[in-house]
Amino acid sequence: MAIYHYTKLTTLIEYILPTKTLKSNSFSNMNDPRESTPWSMGSINLPLEKLFPEYYSDKTHIDCQYKFGQMIKERFQIICFSGAHQKGWNNEMMWSHYADNQKGVCLEFDENVLMVEAKEKFPDVDILLKEVNYATKKKEKPWIHWNNMFSIEENINNYSSILCHDIVFHKSHFWDKEDETRLLFLNYTENLFLPYGQSLKAIHIGLGFPRDYLPAIEKLIEGTSIKLYKLIYERDKYIRWHLTRKEGSWFTSIDEN
């Protein structure tokens, strides 16, 4: 099954194609306010004085709760895709919001191959690829049940593993047009650079894409099987034309899929 990643032209030609990688982002940097705003969570036996020994006091108790919330959020590294249920390359809203208002691109990946590549590159990291569920009712964060028989690291890892299923893959119904699938790297606190190898199948060029940059993309994918498509807006919907290069000229053919 195909999944789709929208991005700006500069990100594509300066980072993604030259390095052949996708960069993850912290959960704290998502644009959903449920995810980006500070967290404080209910807990049983949470030893804030041990977690923040040089900072904790009665006066800083609430602040420490938020500091712990940030610690948990930093355990989620995410790469976002569209196309969970619909064709991902023709999402008008995604083109406007995430592809520089039609001037960027939409990358098409084979999700099964991408997962194989992710697990080969990061064999010691828990990796999940799941569709996002959208709901009108807010999904509450589960309480923290701290187990003193475990280490701090074990407790945090256990809680983040529980939390990811309840929170990371659930969003408000206001976001349902994104039709999102998320690739989650669990309990990893730094940005990851995922080599995409053979999983990148096609690059879709937006309506406002500056044609002068087409040779740069052509050069960067030279020798690969990556397809190039040009998006056209016709009769109130997107269609895509397959671009091929022959004897120094570009040729197009309509794609019916």
Protein backbone atom coordinates (compact mmCIF):
# COMPACT_ATOMS: atom_id res chain seq x y z
CA MET A 1 0.00 0.00 0.00
CA ALA A 2 1.18 3.51 -0.78
CA ILE A 3 1.53 6.32 1.76
CA TYR A 4 2.40 9.94 0.99
CA HIS A 5 4.65 12.59 2.49
CA TYR A 6 4.11 16.25 1.57
CA THR A 7 7.01 18.68 1.76
CA LYS A 8 8.52 21.89 0.40
CA LEU A 9 10.68 22.01 -2.72
CA THR A 10 13.71 23.25 -0.76
CA THR A 11 13.44 20.38 1.72
CA LEU A 12 13.29 17.90 -1.15
CA ILE A 13 16.30 19.09 -3.16
CA GLU A 14 18.50 20.21 -0.26
CA TYR A 15 17.91 17.38 2.21
CA ILE A 16 15.66 14.45 1.27
CA LEU A 17 17.00 13.55 -2.17
CA PRO A 18 20.70 14.34 -1.56
CA THR A 19 20.81 12.37 1.71
CA LYS A 20 18.22 9.75 0.69
CA THR A 21 16.66 10.05 4.14
CA LEU A 22 13.50 11.22 5.90
CA LYS A 23 13.90 13.12 9.15
CA SER A 24 11.72 12.36 12.17
CA ASN A 25 10.30 15.07 14.38
CA SER A 26 9.52 15.27 18.07
CA PHE A 27 5.91 14.87 19.20
CA SER A 28 6.26 18.30 20.83
CA ASN A 29 6.75 19.89 17.41
CA MET A 30 3.52 18.61 15.89
CA ASN A 31 1.02 21.32 14.87
CA ASP A 32 -1.92 19.80 16.73
CA PRO A 33 -2.36 21.84 19.96
CA ARG A 34 -3.22 18.66 21.87
CA GLU A 35 0.30 17.51 21.10
CA SER A 36 2.35 20.71 21.09
CA THR A 37 1.04 22.38 24.25
CA PRO A 38 2.59 21.48 27.65
CA TRP A 39 1.35 18.32 29.35
CA SER A 40 0.65 17.54 32.97
CA MET A 41 -0.58 14.05 33.83
CA GLY A 42 -2.30 12.44 36.78
CA SER A 43 -0.13 9.97 38.65
CA ILE A 44 0.19 7.55 41.54
CA ASN A 45 3.52 7.50 43.42
CA LEU A 46 5.32 9.57 40.79
CA PRO A 47 8.65 10.46 42.49
CA LEU A 48 9.18 13.95 41.16
CA GLU A 49 11.79 14.60 43.85
CA LYS A 50 13.92 11.78 42.37
CA LEU A 51 13.32 12.77 38.78
CA PHE A 52 14.30 16.41 39.39
CA PRO A 53 16.43 16.32 42.57
CA GLU A 54 18.07 19.69 42.04
CA TYR A 55 14.88 21.49 41.14
CA TYR A 56 11.97 19.91 42.97
CA SER A 57 10.30 21.62 45.93
CA ASP A 58 6.78 22.28 47.14
CA LYS A 59 6.84 25.51 45.13
CA THR A 60 7.98 23.79 41.92
CA HIS A 61 5.75 20.72 42.24
CA ILE A 62 3.34 21.68 39.46
CA ASP A 63 6.18 22.87 37.24
CA CYS A 64 7.85 19.47 37.70
CA GLN A 65 4.67 17.75 36.57
CA TYR A 66 4.94 19.66 33.31
CA LYS A 67 8.65 18.89 33.05
CA PHE A 68 7.81 15.21 33.35
CA GLY A 69 5.16 15.61 30.66
CA GLN A 70 7.83 17.04 28.37
CA MET A 71 10.12 14.10 29.15
CA ILE A 72 7.39 11.72 27.99
CA LYS A 73 6.65 13.66 24.80
CA GLU A 74 10.32 13.62 23.87
CA ARG A 75 10.11 9.80 23.75
CA PHE A 76 8.08 9.97 20.53
CA GLN A 77 9.86 10.56 17.22
CA ILE A 78 7.42 10.70 14.30
CA ILE A 79 7.34 10.88 10.51
CA CYS A 80 3.92 11.82 9.16
CA PHE A 81 2.23 10.53 6.01
CA SER A 82 -1.14 10.89 4.31
CA GLY A 83 -3.22 8.39 2.36
CA ALA A 84 -4.44 6.09 5.14
CA HIS A 85 -7.78 5.54 3.40
CA GLN A 86 -7.79 7.69 0.26
CA LYS A 87 -5.42 8.36 -2.62
CA GLY A 88 -2.82 10.45 -0.87
CA TRP A 89 -1.48 12.45 -3.81
CA ASN A 90 -4.72 14.32 -4.57
CA ASN A 91 -5.50 15.77 -1.13
CA GLU A 92 -6.14 19.46 -1.85
CA MET A 93 -5.81 20.53 1.78
CA MET A 94 -2.47 18.74 2.21
CA TRP A 95 -1.07 20.40 -0.91
CA SER A 96 -1.95 23.80 0.52
CA HIS A 97 -0.84 23.24 4.12
CA TYR A 98 2.27 21.08 3.80
CA ALA A 99 3.58 21.52 0.24
CA ASP A 100 4.13 25.27 0.27
CA ASN A 101 0.71 26.12 -1.13
CA GLN A 102 1.03 23.86 -4.21
CA LYS A 103 4.65 24.82 -4.96
CA GLY A 104 6.15 21.76 -3.28
CA VAL A 105 5.93 18.02 -3.80
CA CYS A 106 4.21 14.87 -2.57
CA LEU A 107 6.40 11.78 -2.16
CA GLU A 108 4.88 8.34 -2.64
CA PHE A 109 6.26 5.47 -0.55
CA ASP A 110 5.57 1.75 -0.36
CA GLU A 111 4.73 1.38 3.34
CA ASN A 112 5.76 -2.29 3.58
CA VAL A 113 9.19 -1.64 2.08
CA LEU A 114 9.60 1.46 4.25
CA MET A 115 8.93 -0.55 7.41
CA VAL A 116 11.52 -3.14 6.39
CA GLU A 117 14.04 -0.36 5.80
CA ALA A 118 13.24 1.24 9.17
CA LYS A 119 13.66 -2.00 11.11
CA GLU A 120 16.91 -2.82 9.31
CA LYS A 121 18.35 0.61 10.09
CA PHE A 122 17.11 0.78 13.71
CA PRO A 123 16.86 -2.83 14.94
CA ASP A 124 16.90 -1.84 18.62
CA VAL A 125 14.11 0.74 18.38
CA ASP A 126 10.40 -0.05 18.77
CA ILE A 127 8.77 1.09 15.52
CA LEU A 128 5.06 1.36 14.80
CA LEU A 129 3.32 2.33 11.55
CA LYS A 130 -0.38 2.96 12.18
CA GLU A 131 -3.31 4.97 10.92
CA VAL A 132 -4.48 7.89 13.02
CA ASN A 133 -7.99 7.61 14.47
CA TYR A 134 -10.10 10.77 14.59
CA ALA A 135 -12.76 11.31 17.25
CA THR A 136 -15.07 14.06 18.49
CA LYS A 137 -14.41 13.07 22.12
CA LYS A 138 -10.99 13.81 23.56
CA LYS A 139 -8.86 10.77 24.35
CA GLU A 140 -7.73 11.11 27.96
CA LYS A 141 -4.15 10.39 28.91
CA PRO A 142 -3.91 7.33 31.18
CA TRP A 143 -2.72 7.78 34.75
CA ILE A 144 0.87 7.01 35.61
CA HIS A 145 1.27 4.08 37.99
CA TRP A 146 4.86 4.29 39.13
CA ASN A 147 6.38 0.95 40.14
CA ASN A 148 9.19 1.32 42.66
CA MET A 149 10.47 -2.15 41.74
CA PHE A 150 11.51 -0.76 38.35
CA SER A 151 14.16 1.78 37.47
CA ILE A 152 13.29 5.31 36.36
CA GLU A 153 14.09 4.40 32.77
CA GLU A 154 11.93 1.26 32.87
CA ASN A 155 8.99 3.16 34.34
CA ILE A 156 9.19 5.91 31.73
CA ASN A 157 9.54 3.41 28.88
CA ASN A 158 6.57 1.40 30.12
CA TYR A 159 4.36 4.46 30.44
CA SER A 160 5.31 5.89 27.05
CA SER A 161 4.53 2.49 25.47
CA ILE A 162 1.03 2.60 26.94
CA LEU A 163 0.51 6.27 26.14
CA CYS A 164 1.49 5.99 22.48
CA HIS A 165 -1.51 3.80 21.64
CA ASP A 166 -3.97 6.09 23.45
CA ILE A 167 -2.57 9.46 22.37
CA VAL A 168 -0.08 9.38 19.48
CA PHE A 169 -2.48 7.64 17.08
CA HIS A 170 -5.60 9.58 18.13
CA LYS A 171 -6.47 13.11 17.03
CA SER A 172 -9.46 15.44 17.03
CA HIS A 173 -12.01 15.06 14.23
CA PHE A 174 -10.97 18.53 13.01
CA TRP A 175 -7.84 16.90 11.54
CA ASP A 176 -9.51 14.04 9.71
CA LYS A 177 -8.92 15.51 6.24
CA GLU A 178 -5.22 14.80 6.70
CA ASP A 179 -6.03 11.07 6.45
CA GLU A 180 -2.84 10.47 8.39
CA THR A 181 -0.60 7.49 8.95
CA ARG A 182 2.25 7.89 11.43
CA LEU A 183 5.59 6.16 11.62
CA LEU A 184 6.54 6.19 15.30
CA PHE A 185 9.97 5.53 16.79
CA LEU A 186 9.23 4.82 20.45
CA ASN A 187 11.41 5.74 23.43
CA TYR A 188 13.94 7.51 21.27
CA THR A 189 14.73 11.10 22.16
CA GLU A 190 16.72 12.37 19.17
CA ASN A 191 15.78 13.09 15.57
CA LEU A 192 16.24 10.05 13.36
CA PHE A 193 17.27 10.04 9.71
CA LEU A 194 15.57 7.11 8.01
CA PRO A 195 17.16 5.90 4.74
CA TYR A 196 14.32 5.26 2.33
CA GLY A 197 16.16 3.06 -0.16
CA GLN A 198 13.74 1.33 -2.53
CA SER A 199 10.57 2.50 -0.77
CA LEU A 200 10.33 5.86 -2.58
CA LYS A 201 8.26 5.10 -5.66
CA ALA A 202 7.23 8.47 -7.06
CA ILE A 203 7.49 12.25 -6.77
CA HIS A 204 4.37 14.30 -7.47
CA ILE A 205 5.01 17.90 -8.52
CA GLY A 206 2.52 20.54 -7.38
CA LEU A 207 0.52 22.96 -9.49
CA GLY A 208 2.77 25.90 -8.63
CA PHE A 209 6.07 24.01 -8.81
CA PRO A 210 8.74 26.20 -10.49
CA ARG A 211 9.64 24.33 -13.65
CA ASP A 212 13.25 25.59 -13.56
CA TYR A 213 13.93 23.14 -10.71
CA LEU A 214 12.85 20.07 -12.68
CA PRO A 215 16.41 19.34 -13.96
CA ALA A 216 17.69 19.34 -10.37
CA ILE A 217 15.18 16.66 -9.38
CA GLU A 218 15.92 14.72 -12.55
CA LYS A 219 19.62 14.66 -11.71
CA LEU A 220 19.04 13.64 -8.09
CA ILE A 221 16.92 10.61 -9.06
CA GLU A 222 19.01 9.63 -12.07
CA GLY A 223 19.58 5.87 -12.22
CA THR A 224 16.59 5.04 -9.98
CA SER A 225 13.12 3.70 -10.77
CA ILE A 226 11.42 6.69 -9.09
CA LYS A 227 8.58 8.03 -11.22
CA LEU A 228 7.84 11.72 -11.79
CA TYR A 229 4.27 13.04 -11.97
CA LYS A 230 2.96 16.51 -12.73
CA LEU A 231 -0.32 17.46 -11.05
CA ILE A 232 -3.07 19.08 -13.13
CA TYR A 233 -6.31 20.49 -11.73
CA GLU A 234 -9.20 19.74 -14.07
CA ARG A 235 -12.97 19.55 -13.54
CA ASP A 236 -12.60 20.29 -9.82
CA LYS A 237 -10.12 17.53 -9.09
CA TYR A 238 -6.47 16.62 -9.45
CA ILE A 239 -5.23 14.35 -12.18
CA ARG A 240 -1.62 13.33 -12.65
CA TRP A 241 0.52 13.17 -15.75
CA HIS A 242 3.52 10.88 -15.91
CA LEU A 243 6.68 12.78 -16.91
CA THR A 244 9.37 11.06 -18.97
CA ARG A 245 12.55 12.44 -20.49
CA LYS A 246 13.47 11.51 -24.08
CA GLU A 247 16.24 13.01 -26.17
CA GLY A 248 16.40 16.15 -24.06
CA SER A 249 12.65 16.86 -24.03
CA TRP A 250 9.91 16.16 -21.50
CA PHE A 251 6.90 14.05 -22.50
CA THR A 252 3.69 13.50 -20.59
CA SER A 253 1.15 10.71 -20.49
CA ILE A 254 -2.00 10.60 -18.38
CA ASP A 255 -2.10 8.23 -15.43
CA GLU A 256 -5.52 6.68 -14.82
CA ASN A 257 -4.77 5.31 -11.30
